[in-house]
Amino acid sequence: MVKKRRNCGRSKHNQGYVRRVHCMGLNTLVPRDKAIKKLNIKNFTDSFSIDELNGAILLPKYEIPKLASYVFYSISYAFGKKIIRSREKSRRKLRLSH
């Protein structure tokens, strides 16, 4: 049978086993190397509290910390919700990040 992708849709390369993560949309288990990863950066507080904190801070150029976390999606969910899209035929072989 013909092999569709050079890496079989995964990036584990001689690793054997990769732990699974939960897809945020479907709550299914997906191998971590195959999942679509998106970085979410959020503020700890709402916009009103940020204005109050900026007024109360005495240090100049102090930046309020943010919360960074990765969100994992399965291929089928990400494609259905248009988080990722298919590329045109001439650009499919290009090795680009998402």
PDB file of N, CA and C in Angstrom:
ATOM      1  N   MET A   1       0.829  -1.180   0.000  1.00  0.00           N
ATOM      2  CA  MET A   1       0.000   0.000   0.000  1.00  0.00           C
ATOM      3  C   MET A   1       0.878   1.250   0.000  1.00  0.00           C
ATOM      4  N   VAL A   2       0.407   2.283  -0.642  1.00  0.00           N
ATOM      5  CA  VAL A   2       1.178   3.506  -0.753  1.00  0.00           C
ATOM      6  C   VAL A   2       1.177   4.244   0.577  1.00  0.00           C
ATOM      7  N   LYS A   3       2.334   4.779   0.955  1.00  0.00           N
ATOM      8  CA  LYS A   3       2.465   5.544   2.188  1.00  0.00           C
ATOM      9  C   LYS A   3       2.089   6.990   1.912  1.00  0.00           C
ATOM     10  N   LYS A   4       1.103   7.518   2.637  1.00  0.00           N
ATOM     11  CA  LYS A   4       0.581   8.851   2.336  1.00  0.00           C
ATOM     12  C   LYS A   4       1.505   9.966   2.817  1.00  0.00           C
ATOM     13  N   ARG A   5       2.099   9.800   3.997  1.00  0.00           N
ATOM     14  CA  ARG A   5       2.960  10.850   4.548  1.00  0.00           C
ATOM     15  C   ARG A   5       4.324  10.283   4.913  1.00  0.00           C
ATOM     16  N   ARG A   6       5.348  11.115   4.799  1.00  0.00           N
ATOM     17  CA  ARG A   6       6.715  10.705   5.093  1.00  0.00           C
ATOM     18  C   ARG A   6       6.859  10.269   6.550  1.00  0.00           C
ATOM     19  N   ASN A   7       6.157  10.953   7.451  1.00  0.00           N
ATOM     20  CA  ASN A   7       6.271  10.647   8.879  1.00  0.00           C
ATOM     21  C   ASN A   7       5.014   9.996   9.444  1.00  0.00           C
ATOM     22  N   CYS A   8       4.120   9.539   8.577  1.00  0.00           N
ATOM     23  CA  CYS A   8       2.867   8.883   8.989  1.00  0.00           C
ATOM     24  C   CYS A   8       2.004   9.785   9.863  1.00  0.00           C
ATOM     25  N   GLY A   9       2.140  11.094   9.723  1.00  0.00           N
ATOM     26  CA  GLY A   9       1.332  12.041  10.479  1.00  0.00           C
ATOM     27  C   GLY A   9       1.759  12.219  11.922  1.00  0.00           C
ATOM     28  N   ARG A  10       2.950  11.749  12.262  1.00  0.00           N
ATOM     29  CA  ARG A  10       3.425  11.837  13.638  1.00  0.00           C
ATOM     30  C   ARG A  10       4.856  12.354  13.656  1.00  0.00           C
ATOM     31  N   SER A  11       5.312  12.731  14.827  1.00  0.00           N
ATOM     32  CA  SER A  11       6.689  13.226  14.946  1.00  0.00           C
ATOM     33  C   SER A  11       7.446  12.497  16.041  1.00  0.00           C
ATOM     34  N   LYS A  12       7.191  11.203  16.193  1.00  0.00           N
ATOM     35  CA  LYS A  12       7.830  10.480  17.293  1.00  0.00           C
ATOM     36  C   LYS A  12       9.177   9.882  16.921  1.00  0.00           C
ATOM     37  N   HIS A  13       9.445   9.587  15.655  1.00  0.00           N
ATOM     38  CA  HIS A  13      10.736   9.149  15.129  1.00  0.00           C
ATOM     39  C   HIS A  13      11.557   8.296  16.096  1.00  0.00           C
ATOM     40  N   ASN A  14      11.338   6.991  16.058  1.00  0.00           N
ATOM     41  CA  ASN A  14      12.110   6.006  16.827  1.00  0.00           C
ATOM     42  C   ASN A  14      11.948   6.167  18.339  1.00  0.00           C
ATOM     43  N   GLN A  15      10.816   6.675  18.768  1.00  0.00           N
ATOM     44  CA  GLN A  15      10.590   6.895  20.194  1.00  0.00           C
ATOM     45  C   GLN A  15       9.813   5.752  20.838  1.00  0.00           C
ATOM     46  N   GLY A  16       9.072   5.013  20.050  1.00  0.00           N
ATOM     47  CA  GLY A  16       8.343   3.885  20.596  1.00  0.00           C
ATOM     48  C   GLY A  16       6.960   4.247  21.082  1.00  0.00           C
ATOM     49  N   TYR A  17       6.872   4.889  22.234  1.00  0.00           N
ATOM     50  CA  TYR A  17       5.571   5.238  22.811  1.00  0.00           C
ATOM     51  C   TYR A  17       5.564   6.705  23.196  1.00  0.00           C
ATOM     52  N   VAL A  18       4.453   7.368  22.922  1.00  0.00           N
ATOM     53  CA  VAL A  18       4.279   8.777  23.285  1.00  0.00           C
ATOM     54  C   VAL A  18       3.017   8.866  24.129  1.00  0.00           C
ATOM     55  N   ARG A  19       3.103   9.583  25.242  1.00  0.00           N
ATOM     56  CA  ARG A  19       1.925   9.658  26.109  1.00  0.00           C
ATOM     57  C   ARG A  19       0.795  10.414  25.421  1.00  0.00           C
ATOM     58  N   ARG A  20      -0.407  10.155  25.853  1.00  0.00           N
ATOM     59  CA  ARG A  20      -1.584  10.729  25.209  1.00  0.00           C
ATOM     60  C   ARG A  20      -2.105  11.925  25.993  1.00  0.00           C
ATOM     61  N   VAL A  21      -2.702  12.854  25.269  1.00  0.00           N
ATOM     62  CA  VAL A  21      -3.287  14.045  25.874  1.00  0.00           C
ATOM     63  C   VAL A  21      -4.752  14.121  25.466  1.00  0.00           C
ATOM     64  N   HIS A  22      -5.528  14.883  26.222  1.00  0.00           N
ATOM     65  CA  HIS A  22      -6.948  15.030  25.935  1.00  0.00           C
ATOM     66  C   HIS A  22      -7.180  16.142  24.926  1.00  0.00           C
ATOM     67  N   CYS A  23      -7.983  15.853  23.922  1.00  0.00           N
ATOM     68  CA  CYS A  23      -8.420  16.873  22.972  1.00  0.00           C
ATOM     69  C   CYS A  23      -9.404  17.787  23.692  1.00  0.00           C
ATOM     70  N   MET A  24      -9.218  19.101  23.580  1.00  0.00           N
ATOM     71  CA  MET A  24     -10.074  20.038  24.307  1.00  0.00           C
ATOM     72  C   MET A  24     -11.504  20.070  23.768  1.00  0.00           C
ATOM     73  N   GLY A  25     -11.707  19.720  22.524  1.00  0.00           N
ATOM     74  CA  GLY A  25     -13.040  19.771  21.946  1.00  0.00           C
ATOM     75  C   GLY A  25     -13.830  18.505  22.155  1.00  0.00           C
ATOM     76  N   LEU A  26     -13.236  17.372  21.813  1.00  0.00           N
ATOM     77  CA  LEU A  26     -13.943  16.096  21.881  1.00  0.00           C
ATOM     78  C   LEU A  26     -13.651  15.311  23.138  1.00  0.00           C
ATOM     79  N   ASN A  27     -12.623  15.722  23.895  1.00  0.00           N
ATOM     80  CA  ASN A  27     -12.191  15.036  25.106  1.00  0.00           C
ATOM     81  C   ASN A  27     -11.773  13.594  24.815  1.00  0.00           C
ATOM     82  N   THR A  28     -11.193  13.374  23.642  1.00  0.00           N
ATOM     83  CA  THR A  28     -10.652  12.067  23.302  1.00  0.00           C
ATOM     84  C   THR A  28      -9.153  12.066  23.548  1.00  0.00           C
ATOM     85  N   LEU A  29      -8.579  10.879  23.696  1.00  0.00           N
ATOM     86  CA  LEU A  29      -7.144  10.763  23.895  1.00  0.00           C
ATOM     87  C   LEU A  29      -6.437  10.740  22.544  1.00  0.00           C
ATOM     88  N   VAL A  30      -5.434  11.601  22.402  1.00  0.00           N
ATOM     89  CA  VAL A  30      -4.684  11.742  21.158  1.00  0.00           C
ATOM     90  C   VAL A  30      -3.207  11.652  21.508  1.00  0.00           C
ATOM     91  N   PRO A  31      -2.390  10.965  20.695  1.00  0.00           N
ATOM     92  CA  PRO A  31      -0.953  10.970  20.969  1.00  0.00           C
ATOM     93  C   PRO A  31      -0.411  12.398  20.925  1.00  0.00           C
ATOM     94  N   ARG A  32       0.443  12.746  21.868  1.00  0.00           N
ATOM     95  CA  ARG A  32       0.920  14.128  22.000  1.00  0.00           C
ATOM     96  C   ARG A  32       1.656  14.611  20.751  1.00  0.00           C
ATOM     97  N   ASP A  33       2.395  13.728  20.098  1.00  0.00           N
ATOM     98  CA  ASP A  33       3.134  14.154  18.917  1.00  0.00           C
ATOM     99  C   ASP A  33       2.225  14.357  17.708  1.00  0.00           C
ATOM    100  N   LYS A  34       1.059  13.750  17.698  1.00  0.00           N
ATOM    101  CA  LYS A  34       0.138  13.866  16.579  1.00  0.00           C
ATOM    102  C   LYS A  34      -0.863  15.005  16.778  1.00  0.00           C
ATOM    103  N   ALA A  35      -1.052  15.439  18.006  1.00  0.00           N
ATOM    104  CA  ALA A  35      -2.050  16.458  18.324  1.00  0.00           C
ATOM    105  C   ALA A  35      -1.633  17.826  17.789  1.00  0.00           C
ATOM    106  N   ILE A  36      -2.626  18.666  17.528  1.00  0.00           N
ATOM    107  CA  ILE A  36      -2.391  20.055  17.139  1.00  0.00           C
ATOM    108  C   ILE A  36      -2.239  20.851  18.421  1.00  0.00           C
ATOM    109  N   LYS A  37      -1.121  21.575  18.551  1.00  0.00           N
ATOM    110  CA  LYS A  37      -0.835  22.320  19.774  1.00  0.00           C
ATOM    111  C   LYS A  37      -1.003  23.813  19.521  1.00  0.00           C
ATOM    112  N   LYS A  38      -1.733  24.485  20.384  1.00  0.00           N
ATOM    113  CA  LYS A  38      -1.900  25.933  20.303  1.00  0.00           C
ATOM    114  C   LYS A  38      -1.543  26.528  21.658  1.00  0.00           C
ATOM    115  N   LEU A  39      -0.819  27.627  21.634  1.00  0.00           N
ATOM    116  CA  LEU A  39      -0.428  28.306  22.862  1.00  0.00           C
ATOM    117  C   LEU A  39      -1.456  29.362  23.204  1.00  0.00           C
ATOM    118  N   ASN A  40      -2.060  29.253  24.380  1.00  0.00           N
ATOM    119  CA  ASN A  40      -3.023  30.242  24.860  1.00  0.00           C
ATOM    120  C   ASN A  40      -2.345  31.124  25.895  1.00  0.00           C
ATOM    121  N   ILE A  41      -2.423  32.434  25.703  1.00  0.00           N
ATOM    122  CA  ILE A  41      -1.885  33.376  26.671  1.00  0.00           C
ATOM    123  C   ILE A  41      -3.040  34.228  27.166  1.00  0.00           C
ATOM    124  N   LYS A  42      -3.283  34.170  28.476  1.00  0.00           N
ATOM    125  CA  LYS A  42      -4.415  34.895  29.064  1.00  0.00           C
ATOM    126  C   LYS A  42      -3.927  35.755  30.219  1.00  0.00           C
ATOM    127  N   ASN A  43      -4.681  36.794  30.519  1.00  0.00           N
ATOM    128  CA  ASN A  43      -4.422  37.607  31.695  1.00  0.00           C
ATOM    129  C   ASN A  43      -4.978  36.899  32.920  1.00  0.00           C
ATOM    130  N   PHE A  44      -4.334  37.098  34.062  1.00  0.00           N
ATOM    131  CA  PHE A  44      -4.838  36.505  35.301  1.00  0.00           C
ATOM    132  C   PHE A  44      -6.142  37.164  35.741  1.00  0.00           C
ATOM    133  N   THR A  45      -6.265  38.447  35.450  1.00  0.00           N
ATOM    134  CA  THR A  45      -7.419  39.202  35.931  1.00  0.00           C
ATOM    135  C   THR A  45      -8.200  39.788  34.773  1.00  0.00           C
ATOM    136  N   ASP A  46      -9.385  40.289  35.071  1.00  0.00           N
ATOM    137  CA  ASP A  46     -10.196  40.928  34.034  1.00  0.00           C
ATOM    138  C   ASP A  46      -9.683  42.346  33.755  1.00  0.00           C
ATOM    139  N   SER A  47     -10.246  43.014  32.755  1.00  0.00           N
ATOM    140  CA  SER A  47      -9.732  44.304  32.308  1.00  0.00           C
ATOM    141  C   SER A  47      -9.901  45.399  33.378  1.00  0.00           C
ATOM    142  N   PHE A  48     -10.985  45.364  34.136  1.00  0.00           N
ATOM    143  CA  PHE A  48     -11.203  46.371  35.175  1.00  0.00           C
ATOM    144  C   PHE A  48     -10.138  46.265  36.267  1.00  0.00           C
ATOM    145  N   SER A  49      -9.839  45.043  36.680  1.00  0.00           N
ATOM    146  CA  SER A  49      -8.824  44.834  37.715  1.00  0.00           C
ATOM    147  C   SER A  49      -7.434  45.220  37.226  1.00  0.00           C
ATOM    148  N   ILE A  50      -7.163  45.019  35.943  1.00  0.00           N
ATOM    149  CA  ILE A  50      -5.865  45.391  35.384  1.00  0.00           C
ATOM    150  C   ILE A  50      -5.661  46.897  35.476  1.00  0.00           C
ATOM    151  N   ASP A  51      -6.701  47.670  35.193  1.00  0.00           N
ATOM    152  CA  ASP A  51      -6.605  49.133  35.307  1.00  0.00           C
ATOM    153  C   ASP A  51      -6.318  49.549  36.750  1.00  0.00           C
ATOM    154  N   GLU A  52      -6.982  48.918  37.701  1.00  0.00           N
ATOM    155  CA  GLU A  52      -6.748  49.229  39.113  1.00  0.00           C
ATOM    156  C   GLU A  52      -5.333  48.857  39.536  1.00  0.00           C
ATOM    157  N   LEU A  53      -4.866  47.688  39.098  1.00  0.00           N
ATOM    158  CA  LEU A  53      -3.516  47.253  39.453  1.00  0.00           C
ATOM    159  C   LEU A  53      -2.450  48.178  38.865  1.00  0.00           C
ATOM    160  N   ASN A  54      -2.655  48.611  37.635  1.00  0.00           N
ATOM    161  CA  ASN A  54      -1.691  49.526  37.013  1.00  0.00           C
ATOM    162  C   ASN A  54      -1.618  50.847  37.768  1.00  0.00           C
ATOM    163  N   GLY A  55      -2.729  51.297  38.316  1.00  0.00           N
ATOM    164  CA  GLY A  55      -2.733  52.523  39.114  1.00  0.00           C
ATOM    165  C   GLY A  55      -2.068  52.345  40.463  1.00  0.00           C
ATOM    166  N   ALA A  56      -2.136  51.146  41.025  1.00  0.00           N
ATOM    167  CA  ALA A  56      -1.597  50.897  42.358  1.00  0.00           C
ATOM    168  C   ALA A  56      -0.122  50.499  42.360  1.00  0.00           C
ATOM    169  N   ILE A  57       0.416  50.096  41.220  1.00  0.00           N
ATOM    170  CA  ILE A  57       1.802  49.624  41.155  1.00  0.00           C
ATOM    171  C   ILE A  57       2.763  50.804  41.233  1.00  0.00           C
ATOM    172  N   LEU A  58       3.761  50.699  42.107  1.00  0.00           N
ATOM    173  CA  LEU A  58       4.735  51.771  42.295  1.00  0.00           C
ATOM    174  C   LEU A  58       5.959  51.614  41.396  1.00  0.00           C
ATOM    175  N   LEU A  59       6.246  50.398  40.956  1.00  0.00           N
ATOM    176  CA  LEU A  59       7.432  50.170  40.134  1.00  0.00           C
ATOM    177  C   LEU A  59       7.161  50.585  38.687  1.00  0.00           C
ATOM    178  N   PRO A  60       8.061  51.326  38.085  1.00  0.00           N
ATOM    179  CA  PRO A  60       7.863  51.676  36.669  1.00  0.00           C
ATOM    180  C   PRO A  60       8.146  50.471  35.774  1.00  0.00           C
ATOM    181  N   LYS A  61       7.463  50.394  34.686  1.00  0.00           N
ATOM    182  CA  LYS A  61       7.631  49.330  33.682  1.00  0.00           C
ATOM    183  C   LYS A  61       7.340  47.938  34.237  1.00  0.00           C
ATOM    184  N   TYR A  62       6.543  47.843  35.296  1.00  0.00           N
ATOM    185  CA  TYR A  62       6.169  46.528  35.815  1.00  0.00           C
ATOM    186  C   TYR A  62       5.061  45.966  34.944  1.00  0.00           C
ATOM    187  N   GLU A  63       5.220  44.728  34.520  1.00  0.00           N
ATOM    188  CA  GLU A  63       4.225  44.094  33.678  1.00  0.00           C
ATOM    189  C   GLU A  63       3.490  43.021  34.477  1.00  0.00           C
ATOM    190  N   ILE A  64       2.183  43.052  34.439  1.00  0.00           N
ATOM    191  CA  ILE A  64       1.377  42.076  35.162  1.00  0.00           C
ATOM    192  C   ILE A  64       1.566  40.710  34.503  1.00  0.00           C
ATOM    193  N   PRO A  65       1.857  39.658  35.278  1.00  0.00           N
ATOM    194  CA  PRO A  65       2.111  38.343  34.679  1.00  0.00           C
ATOM    195  C   PRO A  65       0.881  37.776  33.976  1.00  0.00           C
ATOM    196  N   LYS A  66       1.156  36.929  32.998  1.00  0.00           N
ATOM    197  CA  LYS A  66       0.085  36.296  32.238  1.00  0.00           C
ATOM    198  C   LYS A  66       0.180  34.783  32.388  1.00  0.00           C
ATOM    199  N   LEU A  67      -0.896  34.130  32.093  1.00  0.00           N
ATOM    200  CA  LEU A  67      -0.982  32.678  32.195  1.00  0.00           C
ATOM    201  C   LEU A  67      -0.838  32.079  30.798  1.00  0.00           C
ATOM    202  N   ALA A  68       0.187  31.271  30.603  1.00  0.00           N
ATOM    203  CA  ALA A  68       0.417  30.625  29.314  1.00  0.00           C
ATOM    204  C   ALA A  68       0.174  29.124  29.460  1.00  0.00           C
ATOM    205  N   SER A  69      -0.596  28.564  28.545  1.00  0.00           N
ATOM    206  CA  SER A  69      -0.867  27.132  28.576  1.00  0.00           C
ATOM    207  C   SER A  69      -1.073  26.624  27.154  1.00  0.00           C
ATOM    208  N   TYR A  70      -0.749  25.357  26.963  1.00  0.00           N
ATOM    209  CA  TYR A  70      -0.965  24.733  25.665  1.00  0.00           C
ATOM    210  C   TYR A  70      -2.334  24.074  25.633  1.00  0.00           C
ATOM    211  N   VAL A  71      -2.985  24.175  24.491  1.00  0.00           N
ATOM    212  CA  VAL A  71      -4.260  23.511  24.260  1.00  0.00           C
ATOM    213  C   VAL A  71      -4.024  22.497  23.149  1.00  0.00           C
ATOM    214  N   PHE A  72      -4.493  21.274  23.340  1.00  0.00           N
ATOM    215  CA  PHE A  72      -4.294  20.214  22.363  1.00  0.00           C
ATOM    216  C   PHE A  72      -5.616  19.884  21.688  1.00  0.00           C
ATOM    217  N   TYR A  73      -5.567  19.677  20.375  1.00  0.00           N
ATOM    218  CA  TYR A  73      -6.741  19.306  19.590  1.00  0.00           C
ATOM    219  C   TYR A  73      -6.418  18.077  18.764  1.00  0.00           C
ATOM    220  N   SER A  74      -7.411  17.214  18.557  1.00  0.00           N
ATOM    221  CA  SER A  74      -7.226  16.106  17.627  1.00  0.00           C
ATOM    222  C   SER A  74      -7.315  16.653  16.208  1.00  0.00           C
ATOM    223  N   ILE A  75      -6.784  15.908  15.264  1.00  0.00           N
ATOM    224  CA  ILE A  75      -6.775  16.360  13.867  1.00  0.00           C
ATOM    225  C   ILE A  75      -8.199  16.557  13.355  1.00  0.00           C
ATOM    226  N   SER A  76      -9.075  15.610  13.646  1.00  0.00           N
ATOM    227  CA  SER A  76     -10.431  15.689  13.122  1.00  0.00           C
ATOM    228  C   SER A  76     -11.184  16.888  13.697  1.00  0.00           C
ATOM    229  N   TYR A  77     -11.018  17.155  14.987  1.00  0.00           N
ATOM    230  CA  TYR A  77     -11.702  18.300  15.596  1.00  0.00           C
ATOM    231  C   TYR A  77     -11.135  19.616  15.069  1.00  0.00           C
ATOM    232  N   ALA A  78      -9.800  19.717  14.975  1.00  0.00           N
ATOM    233  CA  ALA A  78      -9.176  20.956  14.509  1.00  0.00           C
ATOM    234  C   ALA A  78      -9.544  21.246  13.065  1.00  0.00           C
ATOM    235  N   PHE A  79      -9.641  20.225  12.247  1.00  0.00           N
ATOM    236  CA  PHE A  79     -10.015  20.429  10.854  1.00  0.00           C
ATOM    237  C   PHE A  79     -11.484  20.822  10.743  1.00  0.00           C
ATOM    238  N   GLY A  80     -12.333  20.211  11.564  1.00  0.00           N
ATOM    239  CA  GLY A  80     -13.760  20.534  11.534  1.00  0.00           C
ATOM    240  C   GLY A  80     -14.063  21.936  12.017  1.00  0.00           C
ATOM    241  N   LYS A  81     -13.321  22.413  13.023  1.00  0.00           N
ATOM    242  CA  LYS A  81     -13.524  23.757  13.574  1.00  0.00           C
ATOM    243  C   LYS A  81     -12.673  24.819  12.872  1.00  0.00           C
ATOM    244  N   LYS A  82     -11.966  24.423  11.807  1.00  0.00           N
ATOM    245  CA  LYS A  82     -11.142  25.323  10.990  1.00  0.00           C
ATOM    246  C   LYS A  82     -10.001  25.960  11.782  1.00  0.00           C
ATOM    247  N   ILE A  83      -9.474  25.226  12.757  1.00  0.00           N
ATOM    248  CA  ILE A  83      -8.267  25.654  13.456  1.00  0.00           C
ATOM    249  C   ILE A  83      -7.073  25.440  12.541  1.00  0.00           C
ATOM    250  N   ILE A  84      -7.108  24.337  11.782  1.00  0.00           N
ATOM    251  CA  ILE A  84      -6.127  24.101  10.723  1.00  0.00           C
ATOM    252  C   ILE A  84      -6.893  23.902   9.427  1.00  0.00           C
ATOM    253  N   ARG A  85      -6.208  24.100   8.313  1.00  0.00           N
ATOM    254  CA  ARG A  85      -6.836  23.916   7.008  1.00  0.00           C
ATOM    255  C   ARG A  85      -5.900  23.129   6.110  1.00  0.00           C
ATOM    256  N   SER A  86      -6.471  22.545   5.083  1.00  0.00           N
ATOM    257  CA  SER A  86      -5.634  21.831   4.125  1.00  0.00           C
ATOM    258  C   SER A  86      -4.954  22.847   3.210  1.00  0.00           C
ATOM    259  N   ARG A  87      -3.753  22.494   2.751  1.00  0.00           N
ATOM    260  CA  ARG A  87      -3.013  23.382   1.857  1.00  0.00           C
ATOM    261  C   ARG A  87      -3.232  22.955   0.411  1.00  0.00           C
ATOM    262  N   GLU A  88      -3.018  23.862  -0.502  1.00  0.00           N
ATOM    263  CA  GLU A  88      -3.151  23.513  -1.916  1.00  0.00           C
ATOM    264  C   GLU A  88      -2.066  22.512  -2.293  1.00  0.00           C
ATOM    265  N   LYS A  89      -2.283  21.811  -3.392  1.00  0.00           N
ATOM    266  CA  LYS A  89      -1.453  20.669  -3.739  1.00  0.00           C
ATOM    267  C   LYS A  89       0.023  21.031  -3.901  1.00  0.00           C
ATOM    268  N   SER A  90       0.314  22.197  -4.436  1.00  0.00           N
ATOM    269  CA  SER A  90       1.714  22.581  -4.661  1.00  0.00           C
ATOM    270  C   SER A  90       2.440  22.902  -3.356  1.00  0.00           C
ATOM    271  N   ARG A  91       1.708  23.259  -2.303  1.00  0.00           N
ATOM    272  CA  ARG A  91       2.321  23.644  -1.031  1.00  0.00           C
ATOM    273  C   ARG A  91       2.286  22.546   0.019  1.00  0.00           C
ATOM    274  N   ARG A  92       1.740  21.376  -0.294  1.00  0.00           N
ATOM    275  CA  ARG A  92       1.608  20.316   0.702  1.00  0.00           C
ATOM    276  C   ARG A  92       2.936  19.730   1.135  1.00  0.00           C
ATOM    277  N   LYS A  93       3.894  19.645   0.235  1.00  0.00           N
ATOM    278  CA  LYS A  93       5.181  19.025   0.547  1.00  0.00           C
ATOM    279  C   LYS A  93       6.099  19.950   1.356  1.00  0.00           C
ATOM    280  N   LEU A  94       5.782  21.243   1.427  1.00  0.00           N
ATOM    281  CA  LEU A  94       6.597  22.178   2.191  1.00  0.00           C
ATOM    282  C   LEU A  94       6.483  21.864   3.661  1.00  0.00           C
ATOM    283  N   ARG A  95       7.621  21.850   4.350  1.00  0.00           N
ATOM    284  CA  ARG A  95       7.639  21.504   5.775  1.00  0.00           C
ATOM    285  C   ARG A  95       7.564  22.782   6.580  1.00  0.00           C
ATOM    286  N   LEU A  96       6.358  23.250   6.843  1.00  0.00           N
ATOM    287  CA  LEU A  96       6.108  24.481   7.574  1.00  0.00           C
ATOM    288  C   LEU A  96       5.450  24.159   8.898  1.00  0.00           C
ATOM    289  N   SER A  97       5.625  25.048   9.857  1.00  0.00           N
ATOM    290  CA  SER A  97       4.878  24.901  11.113  1.00  0.00           C
ATOM    291  C   SER A  97       3.473  25.409  10.874  1.00  0.00           C
ATOM    292  N   HIS A  98       2.564  25.143  11.805  1.00  0.00           N
ATOM    293  CA  HIS A  98       1.148  25.507  11.625  1.00  0.00           C
ATOM    294  C   HIS A  98       1.038  26.974  11.597  1.00  0.00           C
TER     295      HIS A  98
END
